[in-house]
Amino acid sequence: MELRQIKYFIKVAELEHVSEAALELHVAQSAVSRQIANLEDELGVKLFLRGGRKIQLTSVGELFLEHVERAMLEFDKAEKAVYDFLNPESGTIRLGFPISLAAKTLPNVISAFRKEHPQIGFQLHQGTVKELTDAVISGQIDIAFVSPVPTSHDDVKGHIFFTEKMMALLPASHELTNEPYLRLMQLRHEPFVIFRQGYHIRDIIMKACTQVGFQPRIAFEGEDVDTIKGLVSAGLGVSILPEITLTDLPMRDTKSIEIIEPNVSRTVGIILPSKREVAPSEQVFFEFLKNYYERLNRFGY
């Protein structure tokens, strides 16, 4: 069984068409057909049902595809590991991040890093903390920014860079906007605009409200900071958002106010896999991040 045969098989399975697969692979259609036939002969089974313009996987073909796709992912990771080892100042880092860090934290960090290491590129992947954690564990991404940062996970190592306050966000017309600070209990009768289930920011808000003795009345749920800020701006409710999302170009018609009771905050940092070594280029990025945030914290981030 040859690696070329596996690549041809996966491409045909993806497109369900031999000639289209040949075009994408930049080889002759006959070469693709021959390699697929050789693979089927070697395995002793038919991998495709042939009929009409398209071909489809047999049941055993679907089973074979599931396994060889995982194998190809390992081949790709092995190839990347060797390349990165030989070229620590080049290569591509697959970096994950949650939506709440997309607007300010991520662009600032990458811009500063690329000034010092211009040959290292990034593939960016957005998701919830759970999705990012699962992706780091499976090897689909290399490193992920997360918040809050896990401190006792078996499969990932968490590194906290800073802790930030969560701020109340009110419509500008709200009667409490002239207050210098708020106690969360003052918002117990307000409709809340918060992230949907699956986002850790929602969990932080719900826990804080429970801590002071009420369950928030949820008017709207979303998965985008700007949408939540827009709904608050329109007077449809109040929210609690990370300070970092409110300091850069704050929206008109809203007012952010510090919450002094209880202390509502979140940790921000990254996760790395704990059961495999990171590539040299990823280690370069990790060391840069530690120094970057150490400097920021020293000067009062």
Protein backbone atom coordinates (compact mmCIF):
# COMPACT_ATOMS: atom_id res chain seq x y z
CA MET A 1 0.00 0.00 0.00
CA GLU A 2 1.51 3.31 -1.12
CA LEU A 3 1.00 6.79 0.30
CA ARG A 4 0.13 7.99 -3.20
CA GLN A 5 -2.72 5.50 -3.38
CA ILE A 6 -4.10 6.74 -0.07
CA LYS A 7 -3.97 10.37 -1.23
CA TYR A 8 -5.76 9.50 -4.48
CA PHE A 9 -8.38 7.49 -2.58
CA ILE A 10 -9.11 10.33 -0.15
CA LYS A 11 -9.46 12.88 -2.95
CA VAL A 12 -11.83 10.66 -4.98
CA ALA A 13 -13.89 9.98 -1.85
CA GLU A 14 -14.10 13.72 -1.18
CA LEU A 15 -15.17 14.71 -4.72
CA GLU A 16 -17.05 11.50 -5.67
CA HIS A 17 -15.63 11.92 -9.16
CA VAL A 18 -12.45 10.46 -10.64
CA SER A 19 -11.85 13.08 -13.34
CA GLU A 20 -12.38 16.00 -10.92
CA ALA A 21 -10.01 14.34 -8.46
CA ALA A 22 -7.42 13.93 -11.23
CA LEU A 23 -7.69 17.64 -12.07
CA GLU A 24 -7.09 18.68 -8.46
CA LEU A 25 -4.23 16.20 -8.12
CA HIS A 26 -2.70 17.36 -11.43
CA VAL A 27 -2.42 13.83 -12.79
CA ALA A 28 -4.07 11.87 -15.56
CA GLN A 29 -7.49 10.36 -14.89
CA SER A 30 -6.14 6.95 -15.91
CA ALA A 31 -3.43 7.21 -13.25
CA VAL A 32 -6.02 7.84 -10.54
CA SER A 33 -8.22 4.97 -11.73
CA ARG A 34 -5.24 2.61 -11.89
CA GLN A 35 -4.05 3.45 -8.36
CA ILE A 36 -7.55 3.04 -6.92
CA ALA A 37 -7.89 -0.34 -8.68
CA ASN A 38 -4.48 -1.44 -7.34
CA LEU A 39 -5.51 -0.41 -3.83
CA GLU A 40 -8.76 -2.38 -4.07
CA ASP A 41 -6.88 -5.43 -5.37
CA GLU A 42 -4.40 -5.23 -2.51
CA LEU A 43 -7.16 -4.89 0.11
CA GLY A 44 -9.36 -7.49 -1.55
CA VAL A 45 -12.51 -5.33 -1.35
CA LYS A 46 -14.34 -2.76 -3.44
CA LEU A 47 -14.03 0.72 -1.98
CA PHE A 48 -16.37 2.49 -4.42
CA LEU A 49 -19.75 1.86 -6.00
CA ARG A 50 -19.48 2.86 -9.64
CA GLY A 51 -22.49 4.01 -11.62
CA GLY A 52 -23.34 7.18 -13.50
CA ARG A 53 -21.13 10.26 -13.42
CA LYS A 54 -20.41 10.08 -9.68
CA ILE A 55 -19.05 7.24 -7.59
CA GLN A 56 -19.78 6.60 -3.95
CA LEU A 57 -17.99 4.84 -1.13
CA THR A 58 -19.07 1.36 -0.14
CA SER A 59 -19.65 0.70 3.55
CA VAL A 60 -16.15 -0.76 3.88
CA GLY A 61 -14.86 2.22 1.88
CA GLU A 62 -16.33 4.59 4.47
CA LEU A 63 -14.67 2.58 7.24
CA PHE A 64 -11.33 2.65 5.40
CA LEU A 65 -11.64 6.42 4.80
CA GLU A 66 -12.19 7.10 8.51
CA HIS A 67 -8.94 5.36 9.42
CA VAL A 68 -6.73 6.63 6.60
CA GLU A 69 -7.78 10.24 7.23
CA ARG A 70 -6.51 9.89 10.79
CA ALA A 71 -3.33 8.30 9.47
CA MET A 72 -2.78 11.15 6.99
CA LEU A 73 -3.19 13.68 9.81
CA GLU A 74 -0.36 11.89 11.63
CA PHE A 75 1.77 11.91 8.46
CA ASP A 76 1.19 15.65 8.09
CA LYS A 77 2.08 16.28 11.73
CA ALA A 78 5.23 14.18 11.39
CA GLU A 79 6.30 16.07 8.28
CA LYS A 80 5.60 19.42 9.98
CA ALA A 81 7.49 18.36 13.12
CA VAL A 82 10.62 17.52 11.12
CA TYR A 83 10.39 20.73 9.11
CA ASP A 84 9.88 22.88 12.21
CA PHE A 85 12.75 21.16 13.99
CA LEU A 86 15.06 22.02 11.12
CA ASN A 87 13.59 25.51 10.66
CA PRO A 88 12.52 27.01 14.03
CA GLU A 89 12.32 30.50 12.50
CA SER A 90 9.90 29.44 9.77
CA GLY A 91 6.88 27.22 9.42
CA THR A 92 3.27 27.80 10.40
CA ILE A 93 1.69 27.82 13.85
CA ARG A 94 -1.92 26.70 14.08
CA LEU A 95 -3.31 29.09 16.67
CA GLY A 96 -6.76 28.94 18.25
CA PHE A 97 -8.64 31.78 19.94
CA PRO A 98 -12.09 32.57 21.38
CA ILE A 99 -14.26 35.38 20.02
CA SER A 100 -13.75 37.55 23.12
CA LEU A 101 -10.02 37.88 22.35
CA ALA A 102 -10.34 38.39 18.60
CA ALA A 103 -10.65 42.17 18.40
CA LYS A 104 -7.66 43.39 20.40
CA THR A 105 -5.51 40.74 22.08
CA LEU A 106 -4.88 38.53 19.07
CA PRO A 107 -3.99 41.21 16.47
CA ASN A 108 -1.68 43.03 18.91
CA VAL A 109 0.21 39.89 19.86
CA ILE A 110 0.63 38.58 16.32
CA SER A 111 1.71 41.98 15.01
CA ALA A 112 4.38 42.29 17.72
CA PHE A 113 5.57 38.72 17.15
CA ARG A 114 5.84 39.05 13.37
CA LYS A 115 8.09 42.09 13.77
CA GLU A 116 10.64 39.85 15.50
CA HIS A 117 9.94 36.62 13.61
CA PRO A 118 8.66 37.56 10.13
CA GLN A 119 9.15 34.09 8.61
CA ILE A 120 6.76 32.31 10.99
CA GLY A 121 3.16 32.25 9.75
CA PHE A 122 -0.16 31.48 11.41
CA GLN A 123 -3.30 29.51 10.66
CA LEU A 124 -6.05 30.94 12.86
CA HIS A 125 -8.91 28.87 14.28
CA GLN A 126 -11.80 30.37 16.24
CA GLY A 127 -13.99 28.46 18.69
CA THR A 128 -15.30 28.05 22.21
CA VAL A 129 -12.87 27.12 24.98
CA LYS A 130 -14.07 23.50 24.85
CA GLU A 131 -13.69 23.33 21.07
CA LEU A 132 -10.20 24.82 21.27
CA THR A 133 -9.17 22.49 24.09
CA ASP A 134 -10.36 19.45 22.15
CA ALA A 135 -8.50 20.68 19.06
CA VAL A 136 -5.23 21.09 20.98
CA ILE A 137 -5.60 17.60 22.49
CA SER A 138 -6.31 15.98 19.10
CA GLY A 139 -3.48 17.87 17.39
CA GLN A 140 -5.70 19.82 15.01
CA ILE A 141 -4.18 23.04 16.37
CA ASP A 142 -0.90 23.66 18.17
CA ILE A 143 -1.63 26.38 20.75
CA ALA A 144 -4.79 28.21 21.81
CA PHE A 145 -5.58 31.41 23.65
CA VAL A 146 -8.33 30.66 26.18
CA SER A 147 -10.23 32.33 28.97
CA PRO A 148 -10.55 31.23 31.68
CA VAL A 149 -7.30 29.25 31.71
CA PRO A 150 -7.60 25.64 32.97
CA THR A 151 -5.24 24.83 35.84
CA SER A 152 -5.90 21.12 36.42
CA HIS A 153 -6.52 19.48 33.03
CA ASP A 154 -4.82 16.13 32.34
CA ASP A 155 -4.24 16.71 28.62
CA VAL A 156 -3.33 20.41 28.39
CA LYS A 157 -1.06 22.76 30.28
CA GLY A 158 -2.50 26.18 31.04
CA HIS A 159 -0.38 29.33 31.33
CA ILE A 160 -2.04 32.47 32.73
CA PHE A 161 -0.79 35.78 31.32
CA PHE A 162 -3.14 38.18 33.08
CA THR A 163 -6.43 38.50 34.95
CA GLU A 164 -8.98 41.05 33.82
CA LYS A 165 -12.13 42.49 35.32
CA MET A 166 -15.59 41.85 33.94
CA MET A 167 -17.50 45.11 33.57
CA ALA A 168 -21.20 45.92 33.57
CA LEU A 169 -22.37 47.36 30.24
CA LEU A 170 -25.52 49.50 30.38
CA PRO A 171 -27.48 51.51 27.82
CA ALA A 172 -26.47 55.18 28.03
CA SER A 173 -30.02 56.09 29.07
CA HIS A 174 -30.00 53.70 32.06
CA GLU A 175 -30.63 55.29 35.47
CA LEU A 176 -27.45 53.75 36.91
CA THR A 177 -24.97 55.15 34.37
CA ASN A 178 -23.90 57.99 36.67
CA GLU A 179 -22.84 55.58 39.40
CA PRO A 180 -19.03 55.33 39.92
CA TYR A 181 -19.32 51.58 40.44
CA LEU A 182 -22.00 48.94 40.82
CA ARG A 183 -22.89 46.03 43.02
CA LEU A 184 -24.15 43.19 40.86
CA MET A 185 -27.29 42.94 43.01
CA GLN A 186 -28.35 46.33 41.60
CA LEU A 187 -28.96 44.62 38.23
CA ARG A 188 -31.15 41.80 39.58
CA HIS A 189 -34.33 43.11 37.93
CA GLU A 190 -32.71 43.91 34.56
CA PRO A 191 -33.00 41.87 31.34
CA PHE A 192 -29.58 40.43 30.45
CA VAL A 193 -27.92 40.07 27.05
CA ILE A 194 -25.30 37.32 27.35
CA PHE A 195 -23.43 34.65 25.42
CA ARG A 196 -25.24 31.42 24.62
CA GLN A 197 -24.56 28.17 26.45
CA GLY A 198 -21.14 26.72 25.73
CA TYR A 199 -19.28 30.01 26.27
CA HIS A 200 -17.35 30.40 29.50
CA ILE A 201 -18.21 34.10 29.79
CA ARG A 202 -21.82 33.03 30.30
CA ASP A 203 -20.75 30.63 33.06
CA ILE A 204 -18.84 33.43 34.83
CA ILE A 205 -21.92 35.69 34.73
CA MET A 206 -24.31 33.01 35.93
CA LYS A 207 -21.99 32.03 38.78
CA ALA A 208 -21.56 35.65 39.89
CA CYS A 209 -25.31 36.26 39.90
CA THR A 210 -25.93 33.06 41.87
CA GLN A 211 -23.26 34.13 44.34
CA VAL A 212 -25.22 37.26 45.27
CA GLY A 213 -28.59 35.52 45.31
CA PHE A 214 -30.41 35.87 41.99
CA GLN A 215 -30.79 34.22 38.58
CA PRO A 216 -30.52 36.70 35.71
CA ARG A 217 -33.51 37.14 33.42
CA ILE A 218 -32.03 36.43 29.98
CA ALA A 219 -33.57 38.52 27.21
CA PHE A 220 -31.14 37.71 24.39
CA GLU A 221 -28.33 35.20 23.79
CA GLY A 222 -25.53 35.60 21.27
CA GLU A 223 -22.07 34.43 20.30
CA ASP A 224 -20.49 37.69 19.18
CA VAL A 225 -19.25 40.56 21.35
CA ASP A 226 -20.28 43.27 18.88
CA THR A 227 -23.81 41.88 18.62
CA ILE A 228 -24.19 41.86 22.40
CA LYS A 229 -22.85 45.41 22.64
CA GLY A 230 -25.25 46.49 19.89
CA LEU A 231 -28.26 45.03 21.69
CA VAL A 232 -27.27 46.81 24.89
CA SER A 233 -26.79 50.02 22.90
CA ALA A 234 -30.34 49.63 21.58
CA GLY A 235 -31.65 49.51 25.16
CA LEU A 236 -32.68 45.85 25.06
CA GLY A 237 -30.86 44.84 28.21
CA VAL A 238 -27.65 44.98 30.22
CA SER A 239 -24.59 42.78 29.96
CA ILE A 240 -21.33 41.86 31.66
CA LEU A 241 -18.31 41.74 29.37
CA PRO A 242 -14.53 41.48 29.72
CA GLU A 243 -12.87 44.85 30.14
CA ILE A 244 -10.63 44.24 27.13
CA THR A 245 -13.66 44.13 24.83
CA LEU A 246 -14.83 47.55 26.05
CA THR A 247 -11.66 49.65 26.01
CA ASP A 248 -11.02 49.66 22.27
CA LEU A 249 -13.42 51.96 20.40
CA PRO A 250 -16.30 51.76 22.93
CA MET A 251 -19.75 51.88 21.37
CA ARG A 252 -21.88 54.98 21.48
CA ASP A 253 -25.03 54.83 23.59
CA THR A 254 -23.49 52.52 26.21
CA LYS A 255 -21.64 52.97 29.49
CA SER A 256 -19.31 50.47 31.13
CA ILE A 257 -19.07 50.50 34.93
CA GLU A 258 -16.86 48.54 37.31
CA ILE A 259 -18.52 45.87 39.45
CA ILE A 260 -17.16 45.91 43.01
CA GLU A 261 -19.33 43.18 44.54
CA PRO A 262 -18.68 40.39 43.92
CA ASN A 263 -15.28 40.38 42.26
CA VAL A 264 -16.11 39.27 38.70
CA SER A 265 -12.97 38.50 36.69
CA ARG A 266 -11.44 35.98 34.33
CA THR A 267 -7.96 34.64 33.62
CA VAL A 268 -6.50 34.94 30.11
CA GLY A 269 -3.66 32.85 28.73
CA ILE A 270 -2.86 29.89 26.51
CA ILE A 271 -3.02 26.12 26.55
CA LEU A 272 -0.39 23.73 25.21
CA PRO A 273 -0.59 19.95 24.85
CA SER A 274 0.75 18.17 27.93
CA LYS A 275 1.35 14.78 26.32
CA ARG A 276 3.47 15.78 23.33
CA GLU A 277 6.34 18.17 22.73
CA VAL A 278 5.65 21.44 20.95
CA ALA A 279 7.61 22.20 17.78
CA PRO A 280 10.57 24.61 17.98
CA SER A 281 8.65 27.39 16.20
CA GLU A 282 5.80 26.98 18.71
CA GLN A 283 8.29 27.14 21.57
CA VAL A 284 9.66 30.38 20.08
CA PHE A 285 6.11 31.80 20.09
CA PHE A 286 5.45 30.62 23.66
CA GLU A 287 8.65 32.24 24.95
CA PHE A 288 7.74 35.43 23.12
CA LEU A 289 4.29 35.45 24.75
CA LYS A 290 5.73 35.03 28.25
CA ASN A 291 8.11 37.95 27.73
CA TYR A 292 5.45 40.07 25.99
CA TYR A 293 2.94 39.80 28.84
CA GLU A 294 5.60 40.10 31.51
CA ARG A 295 6.52 43.50 30.06
CA LEU A 296 2.87 44.57 29.82
CA ASN A 297 2.12 43.49 33.39
CA ARG A 298 5.20 45.27 34.67
CA PHE A 299 3.97 48.56 33.23
CA GLY A 300 0.39 48.12 34.46
CA TYR A 301 -1.50 46.35 31.66
